[in-house]
Amino acid sequence: MQELPPLTLVKTWLEVVQQLDIPITIREKRSRLLTYYFGSIAQAERYVEDNDDYSQLVS
């Protein structure tokens, strides 16, 4: 099994994918990375939700 990238990096990639003012080529590259590691962007979002301890403390 491959090692996953750091949580902070995954969160940054998700932000980049969602920002329309960032060039499409960059958003596509980040989207491909997320899909490579997690299978889909939705799974990457779920990974962040499940592992972001700071977010869980604030809630």
PDB file of N, CA and C in Angstrom:
ATOM      1  N   MET A   1       0.837  -1.190   0.000  1.00  0.00           N
ATOM      2  CA  MET A   1       0.000   0.000   0.000  1.00  0.00           C
ATOM      3  C   MET A   1       0.875   1.245   0.000  1.00  0.00           C
ATOM      4  N   GLN A   2       0.495   2.220  -0.791  1.00  0.00           N
ATOM      5  CA  GLN A   2       1.283   3.443  -0.890  1.00  0.00           C
ATOM      6  C   GLN A   2       0.968   4.387   0.265  1.00  0.00           C
ATOM      7  N   GLU A   3       1.949   5.197   0.594  1.00  0.00           N
ATOM      8  CA  GLU A   3       1.777   6.170   1.663  1.00  0.00           C
ATOM      9  C   GLU A   3       0.995   7.373   1.138  1.00  0.00           C
ATOM     10  N   LEU A   4       0.062   7.861   1.935  1.00  0.00           N
ATOM     11  CA  LEU A   4      -0.739   9.016   1.537  1.00  0.00           C
ATOM     12  C   LEU A   4       0.034  10.300   1.807  1.00  0.00           C
ATOM     13  N   PRO A   5      -0.250  11.340   1.019  1.00  0.00           N
ATOM     14  CA  PRO A   5       0.405  12.631   1.260  1.00  0.00           C
ATOM     15  C   PRO A   5      -0.081  13.221   2.583  1.00  0.00           C
ATOM     16  N   PRO A   6       0.661  14.177   3.135  1.00  0.00           N
ATOM     17  CA  PRO A   6       0.253  14.809   4.392  1.00  0.00           C
ATOM     18  C   PRO A   6      -1.130  15.455   4.276  1.00  0.00           C
ATOM     19  N   LEU A   7      -1.859  15.430   5.367  1.00  0.00           N
ATOM     20  CA  LEU A   7      -3.219  15.961   5.404  1.00  0.00           C
ATOM     21  C   LEU A   7      -3.279  17.418   4.935  1.00  0.00           C
ATOM     22  N   THR A   8      -2.336  18.226   5.363  1.00  0.00           N
ATOM     23  CA  THR A   8      -2.322  19.639   4.965  1.00  0.00           C
ATOM     24  C   THR A   8      -2.204  19.788   3.458  1.00  0.00           C
ATOM     25  N   LEU A   9      -1.401  18.955   2.840  1.00  0.00           N
ATOM     26  CA  LEU A   9      -1.236  19.005   1.393  1.00  0.00           C
ATOM     27  C   LEU A   9      -2.525  18.597   0.685  1.00  0.00           C
ATOM     28  N   VAL A  10      -3.178  17.577   1.186  1.00  0.00           N
ATOM     29  CA  VAL A  10      -4.451  17.133   0.599  1.00  0.00           C
ATOM     30  C   VAL A  10      -5.483  18.260   0.701  1.00  0.00           C
ATOM     31  N   LYS A  11      -5.537  18.923   1.847  1.00  0.00           N
ATOM     32  CA  LYS A  11      -6.474  20.037   2.024  1.00  0.00           C
ATOM     33  C   LYS A  11      -6.177  21.155   1.024  1.00  0.00           C
ATOM     34  N   THR A  12      -4.904  21.435   0.807  1.00  0.00           N
ATOM     35  CA  THR A  12      -4.510  22.479  -0.147  1.00  0.00           C
ATOM     36  C   THR A  12      -4.909  22.087  -1.558  1.00  0.00           C
ATOM     37  N   TRP A  13      -4.663  20.848  -1.933  1.00  0.00           N
ATOM     38  CA  TRP A  13      -5.058  20.384  -3.268  1.00  0.00           C
ATOM     39  C   TRP A  13      -6.559  20.505  -3.467  1.00  0.00           C
ATOM     40  N   LEU A  14      -7.336  20.161  -2.446  1.00  0.00           N
ATOM     41  CA  LEU A  14      -8.800  20.280  -2.549  1.00  0.00           C
ATOM     42  C   LEU A  14      -9.221  21.740  -2.740  1.00  0.00           C
ATOM     43  N   GLU A  15      -8.564  22.638  -2.036  1.00  0.00           N
ATOM     44  CA  GLU A  15      -8.869  24.066  -2.198  1.00  0.00           C
ATOM     45  C   GLU A  15      -8.542  24.536  -3.609  1.00  0.00           C
ATOM     46  N   VAL A  16      -7.400  24.105  -4.126  1.00  0.00           N
ATOM     47  CA  VAL A  16      -6.982  24.504  -5.470  1.00  0.00           C
ATOM     48  C   VAL A  16      -7.993  24.018  -6.510  1.00  0.00           C
ATOM     49  N   VAL A  17      -8.444  22.791  -6.376  1.00  0.00           N
ATOM     50  CA  VAL A  17      -9.389  22.205  -7.335  1.00  0.00           C
ATOM     51  C   VAL A  17     -10.694  23.014  -7.374  1.00  0.00           C
ATOM     52  N   GLN A  18     -11.094  23.581  -6.249  1.00  0.00           N
ATOM     53  CA  GLN A  18     -12.372  24.278  -6.164  1.00  0.00           C
ATOM     54  C   GLN A  18     -12.299  25.749  -6.555  1.00  0.00           C
ATOM     55  N   GLN A  19     -11.114  26.328  -6.641  1.00  0.00           N
ATOM     56  CA  GLN A  19     -10.981  27.761  -6.933  1.00  0.00           C
ATOM     57  C   GLN A  19     -10.916  27.998  -8.439  1.00  0.00           C
ATOM     58  N   LEU A  20     -11.923  28.684  -8.944  1.00  0.00           N
ATOM     59  CA  LEU A  20     -12.027  28.917 -10.387  1.00  0.00           C
ATOM     60  C   LEU A  20     -11.035  29.953 -10.912  1.00  0.00           C
ATOM     61  N   ASP A  21     -10.433  30.760 -10.031  1.00  0.00           N
ATOM     62  CA  ASP A  21      -9.478  31.762 -10.493  1.00  0.00           C
ATOM     63  C   ASP A  21      -8.072  31.187 -10.700  1.00  0.00           C
ATOM     64  N   ILE A  22      -7.883  29.924 -10.381  1.00  0.00           N
ATOM     65  CA  ILE A  22      -6.605  29.244 -10.620  1.00  0.00           C
ATOM     66  C   ILE A  22      -6.673  28.600 -12.004  1.00  0.00           C
ATOM     67  N   PRO A  23      -5.594  28.690 -12.781  1.00  0.00           N
ATOM     68  CA  PRO A  23      -5.606  28.134 -14.147  1.00  0.00           C
ATOM     69  C   PRO A  23      -6.060  26.673 -14.177  1.00  0.00           C
ATOM     70  N   ILE A  24      -6.806  26.352 -15.202  1.00  0.00           N
ATOM     71  CA  ILE A  24      -7.400  25.008 -15.347  1.00  0.00           C
ATOM     72  C   ILE A  24      -6.341  23.910 -15.361  1.00  0.00           C
ATOM     73  N   THR A  25      -5.182  24.175 -15.932  1.00  0.00           N
ATOM     74  CA  THR A  25      -4.142  23.141 -15.987  1.00  0.00           C
ATOM     75  C   THR A  25      -3.673  22.765 -14.583  1.00  0.00           C
ATOM     76  N   ILE A  26      -3.561  23.731 -13.718  1.00  0.00           N
ATOM     77  CA  ILE A  26      -3.140  23.464 -12.335  1.00  0.00           C
ATOM     78  C   ILE A  26      -4.242  22.707 -11.597  1.00  0.00           C
ATOM     79  N   ARG A  27      -5.486  23.133 -11.782  1.00  0.00           N
ATOM     80  CA  ARG A  27      -6.605  22.447 -11.127  1.00  0.00           C
ATOM     81  C   ARG A  27      -6.706  20.998 -11.602  1.00  0.00           C
ATOM     82  N   GLU A  28      -6.484  20.771 -12.896  1.00  0.00           N
ATOM     83  CA  GLU A  28      -6.540  19.410 -13.433  1.00  0.00           C
ATOM     84  C   GLU A  28      -5.426  18.530 -12.866  1.00  0.00           C
ATOM     85  N   LYS A  29      -4.219  19.098 -12.728  1.00  0.00           N
ATOM     86  CA  LYS A  29      -3.113  18.326 -12.158  1.00  0.00           C
ATOM     87  C   LYS A  29      -3.417  17.918 -10.724  1.00  0.00           C
ATOM     88  N   ARG A  30      -3.938  18.849  -9.938  1.00  0.00           N
ATOM     89  CA  ARG A  30      -4.262  18.531  -8.541  1.00  0.00           C
ATOM     90  C   ARG A  30      -5.397  17.517  -8.470  1.00  0.00           C
ATOM     91  N   SER A  31      -6.346  17.643  -9.375  1.00  0.00           N
ATOM     92  CA  SER A  31      -7.454  16.700  -9.429  1.00  0.00           C
ATOM     93  C   SER A  31      -6.939  15.296  -9.740  1.00  0.00           C
ATOM     94  N   ARG A  32      -6.001  15.199 -10.668  1.00  0.00           N
ATOM     95  CA  ARG A  32      -5.419  13.894 -11.002  1.00  0.00           C
ATOM     96  C   ARG A  32      -4.654  13.309  -9.820  1.00  0.00           C
ATOM     97  N   LEU A  33      -3.947  14.152  -9.085  1.00  0.00           N
ATOM     98  CA  LEU A  33      -3.222  13.672  -7.907  1.00  0.00           C
ATOM     99  C   LEU A  33      -4.192  13.124  -6.853  1.00  0.00           C
ATOM    100  N   LEU A  34      -5.268  13.867  -6.609  1.00  0.00           N
ATOM    101  CA  LEU A  34      -6.260  13.422  -5.636  1.00  0.00           C
ATOM    102  C   LEU A  34      -6.888  12.096  -6.065  1.00  0.00           C
ATOM    103  N   THR A  35      -7.187  11.994  -7.345  1.00  0.00           N
ATOM    104  CA  THR A  35      -7.782  10.767  -7.870  1.00  0.00           C
ATOM    105  C   THR A  35      -6.789   9.609  -7.787  1.00  0.00           C
ATOM    106  N   TYR A  36      -5.526   9.889  -8.036  1.00  0.00           N
ATOM    107  CA  TYR A  36      -4.496   8.857  -7.938  1.00  0.00           C
ATOM    108  C   TYR A  36      -4.416   8.299  -6.516  1.00  0.00           C
ATOM    109  N   TYR A  37      -4.365   9.175  -5.535  1.00  0.00           N
ATOM    110  CA  TYR A  37      -4.203   8.740  -4.155  1.00  0.00           C
ATOM    111  C   TYR A  37      -5.487   8.220  -3.512  1.00  0.00           C
ATOM    112  N   PHE A  38      -6.635   8.780  -3.884  1.00  0.00           N
ATOM    113  CA  PHE A  38      -7.869   8.462  -3.167  1.00  0.00           C
ATOM    114  C   PHE A  38      -8.955   7.818  -4.027  1.00  0.00           C
ATOM    115  N   GLY A  39      -8.797   7.803  -5.322  1.00  0.00           N
ATOM    116  CA  GLY A  39      -9.803   7.213  -6.199  1.00  0.00           C
ATOM    117  C   GLY A  39     -10.811   8.219  -6.707  1.00  0.00           C
ATOM    118  N   SER A  40     -11.066   9.258  -5.921  1.00  0.00           N
ATOM    119  CA  SER A  40     -11.969  10.333  -6.339  1.00  0.00           C
ATOM    120  C   SER A  40     -11.773  11.531  -5.415  1.00  0.00           C
ATOM    121  N   ILE A  41     -12.260  12.663  -5.859  1.00  0.00           N
ATOM    122  CA  ILE A  41     -12.183  13.866  -5.034  1.00  0.00           C
ATOM    123  C   ILE A  41     -13.082  13.717  -3.808  1.00  0.00           C
ATOM    124  N   ALA A  42     -14.216  13.072  -3.986  1.00  0.00           N
ATOM    125  CA  ALA A  42     -15.122  12.854  -2.853  1.00  0.00           C
ATOM    126  C   ALA A  42     -14.446  12.020  -1.761  1.00  0.00           C
ATOM    127  N   GLN A  43     -13.684  11.010  -2.157  1.00  0.00           N
ATOM    128  CA  GLN A  43     -12.972  10.192  -1.173  1.00  0.00           C
ATOM    129  C   GLN A  43     -11.879  11.005  -0.479  1.00  0.00           C
ATOM    130  N   ALA A  44     -11.224  11.901  -1.207  1.00  0.00           N
ATOM    131  CA  ALA A  44     -10.214  12.767  -0.603  1.00  0.00           C
ATOM    132  C   ALA A  44     -10.862  13.693   0.426  1.00  0.00           C
ATOM    133  N   GLU A  45     -12.040  14.217   0.097  1.00  0.00           N
ATOM    134  CA  GLU A  45     -12.757  15.076   1.038  1.00  0.00           C
ATOM    135  C   GLU A  45     -13.134  14.290   2.291  1.00  0.00           C
ATOM    136  N   ARG A  46     -13.561  13.063   2.099  1.00  0.00           N
ATOM    137  CA  ARG A  46     -13.923  12.223   3.240  1.00  0.00           C
ATOM    138  C   ARG A  46     -12.695  11.935   4.106  1.00  0.00           C
ATOM    139  N   TYR A  47     -11.560  11.691   3.472  1.00  0.00           N
ATOM    140  CA  TYR A  47     -10.305  11.466   4.200  1.00  0.00           C
ATOM    141  C   TYR A  47      -9.979  12.671   5.077  1.00  0.00           C
ATOM    142  N   VAL A  48     -10.122  13.870   4.524  1.00  0.00           N
ATOM    143  CA  VAL A  48      -9.849  15.083   5.295  1.00  0.00           C
ATOM    144  C   VAL A  48     -10.828  15.203   6.456  1.00  0.00           C
ATOM    145  N   GLU A  49     -12.103  14.990   6.189  1.00  0.00           N
ATOM    146  CA  GLU A  49     -13.108  15.076   7.251  1.00  0.00           C
ATOM    147  C   GLU A  49     -12.825  14.087   8.379  1.00  0.00           C
ATOM    148  N   ASP A  50     -12.431  12.889   8.021  1.00  0.00           N
ATOM    149  CA  ASP A  50     -12.196  11.852   9.020  1.00  0.00           C
ATOM    150  C   ASP A  50     -10.898  12.035   9.801  1.00  0.00           C
ATOM    151  N   ASN A  51      -9.946  12.769   9.244  1.00  0.00           N
ATOM    152  CA  ASN A  51      -8.626  12.862   9.866  1.00  0.00           C
ATOM    153  C   ASN A  51      -8.235  14.255  10.313  1.00  0.00           C
ATOM    154  N   ASP A  52      -9.079  15.234  10.136  1.00  0.00           N
ATOM    155  CA  ASP A  52      -8.736  16.597  10.517  1.00  0.00           C
ATOM    156  C   ASP A  52      -9.132  16.820  11.976  1.00  0.00           C
ATOM    157  N   ASP A  53      -8.191  16.545  12.881  1.00  0.00           N
ATOM    158  CA  ASP A  53      -8.464  16.650  14.312  1.00  0.00           C
ATOM    159  C   ASP A  53      -8.823  18.062  14.734  1.00  0.00           C
ATOM    160  N   TYR A  54      -8.207  19.076  14.136  1.00  0.00           N
ATOM    161  CA  TYR A  54      -8.502  20.452  14.494  1.00  0.00           C
ATOM    162  C   TYR A  54      -9.968  20.787  14.189  1.00  0.00           C
ATOM    163  N   SER A  55     -10.429  20.390  13.042  1.00  0.00           N
ATOM    164  CA  SER A  55     -11.811  20.642  12.645  1.00  0.00           C
ATOM    165  C   SER A  55     -12.776  19.960  13.613  1.00  0.00           C
ATOM    166  N   GLN A  56     -12.431  18.779  14.069  1.00  0.00           N
ATOM    167  CA  GLN A  56     -13.293  18.050  14.986  1.00  0.00           C
ATOM    168  C   GLN A  56     -13.318  18.706  16.360  1.00  0.00           C
ATOM    169  N   LEU A  57     -12.228  19.349  16.762  1.00  0.00           N
ATOM    170  CA  LEU A  57     -12.195  20.044  18.049  1.00  0.00           C
ATOM    171  C   LEU A  57     -13.056  21.298  18.036  1.00  0.00           C
ATOM    172  N   VAL A  58     -13.084  21.997  16.912  1.00  0.00           N
ATOM    173  CA  VAL A  58     -13.835  23.241  16.785  1.00  0.00           C
ATOM    174  C   VAL A  58     -15.337  22.974  16.739  1.00  0.00           C
ATOM    175  N   SER A  59     -15.725  21.872  16.153  1.00  0.00           N
ATOM    176  CA  SER A  59     -17.159  21.548  15.982  1.00  0.00           C
ATOM    177  C   SER A  59     -17.858  21.324  17.287  1.00  0.00           C
TER     178      SER A  59
END
